[in-house]
């Protein structure tokens, strides 16, 4: 029988890792928040609620199934939910998307450095590629320890930034629903509900290969389940607050690459500099496990093949990520893949219902 005593230190590390994994370049820069939630005005907050509920379900499912099934590979979870044929499609598709997401992270790093310091976008992308590639070589265990401690700090600072942005311009909230329709904002969908579903959809394709093996390797199901639920709550609270912060200043932020840096600059120029490092940290915490998943899919950790493949894929990701504008990367890659992920959610729900009926 599993011990009921919870190690809260480890539980919070799981929560932090879950949060940090989702806080990539899109969230930390505010670009994906603006496209998926703020662009819909107050309906975007309903979208956050929908996303939270789905995040909890998806996270608990992945770690639970990982713990129970002990898959040889994290990608086997797709066959568990969808069968061999469709499962194989999701296996290869998810790897392609995960790598495309890594490319987005490189673009986000370049855009952040360029907007805040006026330096070439190539500098930010190259530095992030070096940091991510170097960390991946140390393996997933090190990754969880590193990102699990960075994640909560990013959430706290993002919440502070969102609240300060609302307080500084409260009238922006009351005027937002009139202003937003007049702005030419990039949107993830024509409908707020589908935007929220698409958001969880593309995150699912990240989380499947990360949480499933994490659940399989955890000593306590209760600890990791509690951890991911707390992580989903913390991330969603942060998401809601920064969504409102962007809504309050939407007329100023429309068309910008890194909205959060402008929000920080509105409060204090020094804060903008500090937050630029926070944004880069957020990109790093997602870029590392994304790159790890792709490399680990084709090679064993600590082998020469693993190290060489890490370097090659990091270099290619940086090169492509710096060729396309960051906001376009987010809109094209995340939205298209989000709907494919949303279909996976349907398979998961069906499998969950069938499994419970069989047990009953």
Protein backbone atom coordinates (compact mmCIF):
# COMPACT_ATOMS: atom_id res chain seq x y z
CA UNK A 1 0.00 0.00 0.00
CA UNK A 2 1.29 3.44 -0.91
CA UNK A 3 2.25 5.69 1.95
CA UNK A 4 -0.18 8.52 2.59
CA UNK A 5 2.47 10.87 3.95
CA UNK A 6 3.25 13.57 1.39
CA UNK A 7 6.69 15.04 0.92
CA UNK A 8 5.60 18.63 0.28
CA UNK A 9 9.03 19.66 -0.93
CA UNK A 10 8.91 17.12 -3.73
CA UNK A 11 5.23 17.81 -4.40
CA UNK A 12 5.92 21.51 -4.89
CA UNK A 13 8.85 20.64 -7.15
CA UNK A 14 6.42 18.69 -9.35
CA UNK A 15 4.03 21.66 -9.31
CA UNK A 16 6.85 24.03 -10.19
CA UNK A 17 8.08 21.79 -13.01
CA UNK A 18 4.56 21.60 -14.47
CA UNK A 19 4.19 25.38 -14.32
CA UNK A 20 7.63 26.10 -15.71
CA UNK A 21 7.11 23.66 -18.57
CA UNK A 22 4.05 25.62 -19.71
CA UNK A 23 5.65 29.04 -19.27
CA UNK A 24 7.55 29.19 -22.50
CA UNK A 25 8.29 32.07 -24.82
CA UNK A 26 4.62 32.53 -25.73
CA UNK A 27 3.43 32.93 -22.14
CA UNK A 28 6.42 34.75 -20.71
CA UNK A 29 6.42 37.30 -23.53
CA UNK A 30 2.64 37.67 -23.32
CA UNK A 31 2.28 36.90 -27.03
CA UNK A 32 0.28 33.69 -26.71
CA UNK A 33 -1.78 35.16 -23.84
CA UNK A 34 -2.79 38.04 -26.09
CA UNK A 35 -3.69 35.78 -29.04
CA UNK A 36 -5.53 33.09 -27.07
CA UNK A 37 -7.25 35.07 -24.32
CA UNK A 38 -6.85 38.87 -24.15
CA UNK A 39 -7.90 39.36 -27.77
CA UNK A 40 -11.42 38.19 -26.80
CA UNK A 41 -11.87 40.74 -24.01
CA UNK A 42 -13.61 39.48 -20.90
CA UNK A 43 -14.65 36.29 -22.67
CA UNK A 44 -10.96 35.45 -22.52
CA UNK A 45 -11.31 34.98 -18.75
CA UNK A 46 -13.95 32.33 -19.37
CA UNK A 47 -11.40 30.78 -21.69
CA UNK A 48 -8.90 30.65 -18.83
CA UNK A 49 -11.47 28.82 -16.64
CA UNK A 50 -12.06 26.25 -19.40
CA UNK A 51 -8.31 25.85 -19.87
CA UNK A 52 -7.80 25.30 -16.12
CA UNK A 53 -10.36 22.50 -15.95
CA UNK A 54 -8.85 20.80 -18.97
CA UNK A 55 -5.30 21.24 -17.65
CA UNK A 56 -6.22 19.47 -14.41
CA UNK A 57 -7.86 16.57 -16.23
CA UNK A 58 -5.02 16.16 -18.74
CA UNK A 59 -2.23 16.37 -16.15
CA UNK A 60 -3.81 13.93 -13.71
CA UNK A 61 -4.58 11.51 -16.55
CA UNK A 62 -1.03 11.52 -17.91
CA UNK A 63 0.71 11.00 -14.57
CA UNK A 64 -1.84 8.40 -13.41
CA UNK A 65 -1.62 6.37 -16.60
CA UNK A 66 2.16 6.71 -16.57
CA UNK A 67 2.27 5.36 -13.01
CA UNK A 68 -0.11 2.48 -13.70
CA UNK A 69 1.11 1.39 -17.13
CA UNK A 70 4.87 1.97 -16.74
CA UNK A 71 5.32 2.56 -20.47
CA UNK A 72 8.78 1.75 -21.88
CA UNK A 73 8.56 5.07 -23.75
CA UNK A 74 6.55 8.16 -22.84
CA UNK A 75 5.20 8.29 -26.41
CA UNK A 76 3.47 4.90 -25.86
CA UNK A 77 0.72 6.86 -24.11
CA UNK A 78 -0.66 7.80 -27.54
CA UNK A 79 -1.22 4.14 -28.45
CA UNK A 80 -2.86 3.61 -25.06
CA UNK A 81 -5.45 6.28 -25.82
CA UNK A 82 -5.82 6.05 -29.60
CA UNK A 83 -4.84 2.54 -30.66
CA UNK A 84 -1.83 1.55 -32.79
CA UNK A 85 -2.57 3.34 -36.06
CA UNK A 86 -3.75 6.71 -34.75
CA UNK A 87 -1.36 6.36 -31.82
CA UNK A 88 1.58 6.08 -34.21
CA UNK A 89 0.39 9.19 -36.02
CA UNK A 90 0.30 11.15 -32.76
CA UNK A 91 3.67 9.74 -31.78
CA UNK A 92 5.42 11.14 -34.85
CA UNK A 93 3.24 14.25 -35.10
CA UNK A 94 3.87 15.20 -31.48
CA UNK A 95 7.63 14.92 -31.93
CA UNK A 96 7.44 17.18 -34.98
CA UNK A 97 5.29 19.68 -33.10
CA UNK A 98 7.46 19.58 -30.00
CA UNK A 99 10.45 20.43 -32.13
CA UNK A 100 8.50 23.22 -33.86
CA UNK A 101 7.67 24.54 -30.39
CA UNK A 102 11.36 24.55 -29.55
CA UNK A 103 11.85 26.68 -32.66
CA UNK A 104 9.23 29.12 -31.30
CA UNK A 105 11.23 29.37 -28.07
CA UNK A 106 14.33 30.40 -30.02
CA UNK A 107 12.32 33.08 -31.82
CA UNK A 108 10.95 34.33 -28.51
CA UNK A 109 14.42 34.65 -27.01
CA UNK A 110 15.58 36.64 -30.02
CA UNK A 111 12.52 38.93 -29.95
CA UNK A 112 12.96 39.61 -26.23
CA UNK A 113 16.60 40.61 -26.48
CA UNK A 114 15.88 42.73 -29.55
CA UNK A 115 12.89 44.61 -28.09
CA UNK A 116 14.43 45.34 -24.70
CA UNK A 117 18.05 46.03 -25.59
CA UNK A 118 18.00 46.76 -29.32
CA UNK A 119 20.48 43.93 -29.89
CA UNK A 120 20.29 41.60 -32.91
CA UNK A 121 17.62 38.91 -32.59
CA UNK A 122 20.28 36.39 -33.54
CA UNK A 123 22.13 37.03 -30.27
CA UNK A 124 19.19 36.02 -28.07
CA UNK A 125 18.39 32.96 -30.15
CA UNK A 126 21.97 31.71 -30.22
CA UNK A 127 22.46 32.17 -26.47
CA UNK A 128 19.20 30.34 -25.72
CA UNK A 129 20.18 27.52 -28.05
CA UNK A 130 23.48 27.10 -26.22
CA UNK A 131 21.81 27.16 -22.78
CA UNK A 132 19.06 24.71 -23.74
CA UNK A 133 21.37 22.31 -25.55
CA UNK A 134 23.89 22.33 -22.71
CA UNK A 135 21.24 21.58 -20.09
CA UNK A 136 19.62 18.75 -22.07
CA UNK A 137 22.88 16.85 -22.06
CA UNK A 138 22.55 16.49 -18.25
CA UNK A 139 19.25 14.55 -18.53
CA UNK A 140 15.61 14.81 -17.37
CA UNK A 141 16.35 14.43 -13.66
CA UNK A 142 18.44 17.57 -13.69
CA UNK A 143 15.82 19.32 -15.82
CA UNK A 144 13.03 18.68 -13.28
CA UNK A 145 15.19 19.98 -10.44
CA UNK A 146 16.15 23.12 -12.36
CA UNK A 147 12.81 24.12 -13.85
CA UNK A 148 10.85 23.10 -10.75
CA UNK A 149 12.49 25.91 -8.82
CA UNK A 150 12.35 28.56 -11.56
CA UNK A 151 8.65 28.04 -12.36
CA UNK A 152 7.06 29.35 -9.13
CA UNK A 153 9.30 32.43 -9.18
CA UNK A 154 8.17 33.27 -12.72
CA UNK A 155 4.52 32.84 -11.78
CA UNK A 156 4.86 35.12 -8.77
CA UNK A 157 6.54 37.88 -10.75
CA UNK A 158 4.04 37.53 -13.60
CA UNK A 159 1.15 37.90 -11.15
CA UNK A 160 2.76 41.01 -9.67
CA UNK A 161 3.26 42.45 -13.16
CA UNK A 162 -0.36 41.76 -14.11
CA UNK A 163 -1.80 43.29 -10.94
CA UNK A 164 0.43 46.37 -11.23
CA UNK A 165 -0.61 46.83 -14.87
CA UNK A 166 -4.28 46.72 -13.92
CA UNK A 167 -3.84 49.16 -11.02
CA UNK A 168 -1.85 51.56 -13.17
CA UNK A 169 -4.53 51.71 -15.88
CA UNK A 170 -7.89 50.54 -14.43
CA UNK A 171 -9.90 52.52 -16.96
CA UNK A 172 -8.44 50.30 -19.67
CA UNK A 173 -10.52 47.38 -18.39
CA UNK A 174 -13.79 49.25 -18.72
CA UNK A 175 -12.94 50.47 -22.21
CA UNK A 176 -11.45 47.22 -23.50
CA UNK A 177 -14.58 45.70 -25.03
CA UNK A 178 -15.05 48.84 -27.12
CA UNK A 179 -11.39 49.11 -28.13
CA UNK A 180 -10.60 45.47 -28.94
CA UNK A 181 -12.97 45.09 -31.95
CA UNK A 182 -11.29 48.11 -33.58
CA UNK A 183 -7.80 46.64 -33.28
CA UNK A 184 -6.29 44.30 -35.84
CA UNK A 185 -5.26 41.65 -33.30
CA UNK A 186 -3.90 38.22 -34.19
CA UNK A 187 -6.29 35.63 -32.73
CA UNK A 188 -5.98 31.91 -32.20
CA UNK A 189 -9.59 31.37 -33.30
CA UNK A 190 -12.74 33.28 -34.17
CA UNK A 191 -14.28 31.92 -30.96
CA UNK A 192 -12.98 32.21 -27.36
CA UNK A 193 -14.03 28.66 -26.44
CA UNK A 194 -12.20 27.04 -29.33
CA UNK A 195 -9.20 29.23 -28.62
CA UNK A 196 -9.07 27.86 -25.06
CA UNK A 197 -9.44 24.30 -26.38
CA UNK A 198 -6.70 24.86 -28.92
CA UNK A 199 -4.46 26.29 -26.19
CA UNK A 200 -4.79 23.17 -24.06
CA UNK A 201 -4.48 21.10 -27.23
CA UNK A 202 -1.01 22.25 -28.12
CA UNK A 203 0.10 22.13 -24.49
CA UNK A 204 -1.09 18.50 -24.33
CA UNK A 205 1.31 17.54 -27.08
CA UNK A 206 4.10 18.94 -24.90
CA UNK A 207 2.85 17.43 -21.67
CA UNK A 208 2.21 13.86 -22.83
CA UNK A 209 5.86 12.99 -23.32
CA UNK A 210 6.94 14.91 -20.23
CA UNK A 211 4.35 13.98 -17.57
CA UNK A 212 3.80 10.34 -18.53
CA UNK A 213 7.38 9.19 -17.81
CA UNK A 214 7.47 11.53 -14.83
CA UNK A 215 4.42 9.75 -13.42
CA UNK A 216 6.02 6.38 -14.13
CA UNK A 217 9.21 7.28 -12.30
CA UNK A 218 7.61 8.97 -9.28
CA UNK A 219 7.65 7.13 -5.96
CA UNK A 220 4.28 8.47 -4.83
CA UNK A 221 1.19 8.78 -7.00
CA UNK A 222 -0.37 11.07 -4.41
CA UNK A 223 2.59 13.46 -4.47
CA UNK A 224 2.78 13.84 -8.22
CA UNK A 225 -1.01 14.05 -8.65
CA UNK A 226 -1.24 16.74 -5.99
CA UNK A 227 1.74 18.48 -7.55
CA UNK A 228 0.29 18.72 -11.05
CA UNK A 229 -3.11 19.90 -9.75
CA UNK A 230 -1.41 22.67 -7.77
CA UNK A 231 0.68 23.44 -10.83
CA UNK A 232 -2.42 23.75 -13.02
CA UNK A 233 -4.03 26.07 -10.45
CA UNK A 234 -0.95 28.25 -10.11
CA UNK A 235 -0.47 28.52 -13.85
CA UNK A 236 -4.14 29.34 -14.47
CA UNK A 237 -4.22 32.06 -11.80
CA UNK A 238 -1.15 33.62 -13.35
CA UNK A 239 -2.71 33.28 -16.80
CA UNK A 240 -5.93 35.03 -15.71
CA UNK A 241 -4.13 37.95 -14.08
CA UNK A 242 -1.74 38.62 -16.96
CA UNK A 243 -4.70 38.30 -19.35
CA UNK A 244 -6.44 41.13 -17.49
CA UNK A 245 -3.22 43.13 -17.38
CA UNK A 246 -2.91 42.92 -21.16
CA UNK A 247 -6.61 43.72 -21.66
CA UNK A 248 -6.21 46.89 -19.57
CA UNK A 249 -3.44 48.07 -21.90
CA UNK A 250 -4.51 46.39 -25.13
CA UNK A 251 -4.44 49.54 -27.28
CA UNK A 252 -0.76 50.06 -26.46
CA UNK A 253 0.21 46.41 -26.84
CA UNK A 254 -1.47 45.60 -30.16
CA UNK A 255 1.10 44.56 -32.73
CA UNK A 256 4.03 44.26 -30.28
CA UNK A 257 6.21 41.16 -30.09
CA UNK A 258 6.79 41.10 -26.31
CA UNK A 259 3.79 42.69 -24.53
CA UNK A 260 5.00 41.86 -21.01
CA UNK A 261 8.15 43.94 -21.45
CA UNK A 262 6.06 46.98 -22.34
CA UNK A 263 3.86 46.40 -19.29
CA UNK A 264 6.97 46.20 -17.13
CA UNK A 265 8.39 49.35 -18.74
CA UNK A 266 5.16 51.24 -18.00
CA UNK A 267 5.76 50.61 -14.32
CA UNK A 268 9.50 51.17 -14.13
CA UNK A 269 12.40 51.02 -16.60
CA UNK A 270 14.48 48.98 -14.14
CA UNK A 271 11.60 46.51 -13.78
CA UNK A 272 11.58 46.09 -17.56
CA UNK A 273 15.24 45.08 -17.46
CA UNK A 274 14.60 42.65 -14.61
CA UNK A 275 11.56 41.20 -16.34
CA UNK A 276 13.51 40.68 -19.55
CA UNK A 277 15.63 38.19 -17.59
CA UNK A 278 12.43 36.62 -16.23
CA UNK A 279 11.09 36.21 -19.76
CA UNK A 280 14.32 34.57 -20.86
CA UNK A 281 14.14 32.25 -17.83
CA UNK A 282 10.57 31.32 -18.79
CA UNK A 283 11.67 30.51 -22.32
CA UNK A 284 14.54 28.43 -20.98
CA UNK A 285 12.32 26.37 -18.67
CA UNK A 286 10.21 25.26 -21.62
CA UNK A 287 12.88 25.04 -24.32
CA UNK A 288 14.96 22.55 -22.31
CA UNK A 289 12.34 19.77 -21.85
CA UNK A 290 11.02 20.32 -25.39
CA UNK A 291 14.46 19.72 -26.87
CA UNK A 292 15.04 16.82 -24.46
CA UNK A 293 11.87 15.04 -25.60
CA UNK A 294 12.88 15.17 -29.26
CA UNK A 295 16.45 14.01 -28.67
CA UNK A 296 15.40 11.28 -26.22
CA UNK A 297 12.95 9.94 -28.81
CA UNK A 298 15.80 8.97 -31.13
CA UNK A 299 18.75 8.25 -28.80
CA UNK A 300 19.70 7.07 -25.33
CA UNK A 301 20.75 9.62 -22.73
CA UNK A 302 24.46 10.07 -21.96
CA UNK A 303 25.51 8.47 -25.26
CA UNK A 304 27.59 10.26 -27.90
CA UNK A 305 24.64 10.03 -30.29
CA UNK A 306 22.45 11.82 -27.73
CA UNK A 307 24.96 14.64 -27.33
CA UNK A 308 25.58 15.08 -31.05
CA UNK A 309 21.86 15.04 -31.87
CA UNK A 310 21.22 17.62 -29.14
CA UNK A 311 23.77 20.00 -30.66
CA UNK A 312 22.52 19.49 -34.23
CA UNK A 313 18.85 20.02 -33.38
CA UNK A 314 19.64 23.05 -31.22
CA UNK A 315 21.56 24.67 -34.09
CA UNK A 316 18.81 23.97 -36.63
CA UNK A 317 16.14 25.25 -34.22
CA UNK A 318 17.98 28.52 -33.68
CA UNK A 319 18.48 29.03 -37.42
CA UNK A 320 14.81 28.53 -38.31
CA UNK A 321 13.47 30.36 -35.25
CA UNK A 322 15.29 33.54 -36.22
CA UNK A 323 13.98 33.54 -39.80
CA UNK A 324 10.25 34.06 -39.05
CA UNK A 325 8.69 36.91 -36.97
CA UNK A 326 7.90 35.68 -33.46
CA UNK A 327 4.19 36.55 -33.43
CA UNK A 328 3.71 34.68 -36.71
CA UNK A 329 5.52 31.64 -35.31
CA UNK A 330 3.13 31.55 -32.36
CA UNK A 331 0.02 32.03 -34.47
CA UNK A 332 0.85 29.46 -37.13
CA UNK A 333 2.57 26.67 -35.19
CA UNK A 334 0.54 26.74 -31.98
CA UNK A 335 -2.90 27.21 -33.51
CA UNK A 336 -2.67 24.49 -36.16
CA UNK A 337 -1.18 21.97 -33.77
CA UNK A 338 -3.60 23.00 -31.03
CA UNK A 339 -6.58 21.63 -32.92
CA UNK A 340 -4.81 18.33 -33.53
CA UNK A 341 -4.14 18.16 -29.79
CA UNK A 342 -7.79 18.93 -29.08
CA UNK A 343 -8.78 15.80 -31.04
CA UNK A 344 -6.41 13.83 -28.79
CA UNK A 345 -8.36 15.18 -25.82
CA UNK A 346 -11.47 13.55 -27.27
CA UNK A 347 -9.71 10.18 -27.44
CA UNK A 348 -8.56 10.61 -23.84
CA UNK A 349 -12.06 11.32 -22.55
CA UNK A 350 -13.47 8.28 -24.37
CA UNK A 351 -10.70 6.04 -23.00
CA UNK A 352 -11.21 7.38 -19.46
CA UNK A 353 -14.95 6.69 -19.58
CA UNK A 354 -14.47 3.19 -20.99
CA UNK A 355 -11.84 2.32 -18.37
CA UNK A 356 -14.06 3.48 -15.51
CA UNK A 357 -17.05 1.54 -16.87
CA UNK A 358 -14.94 -1.62 -17.12
CA UNK A 359 -13.67 -1.20 -13.56
CA UNK A 360 -17.20 -0.63 -12.26
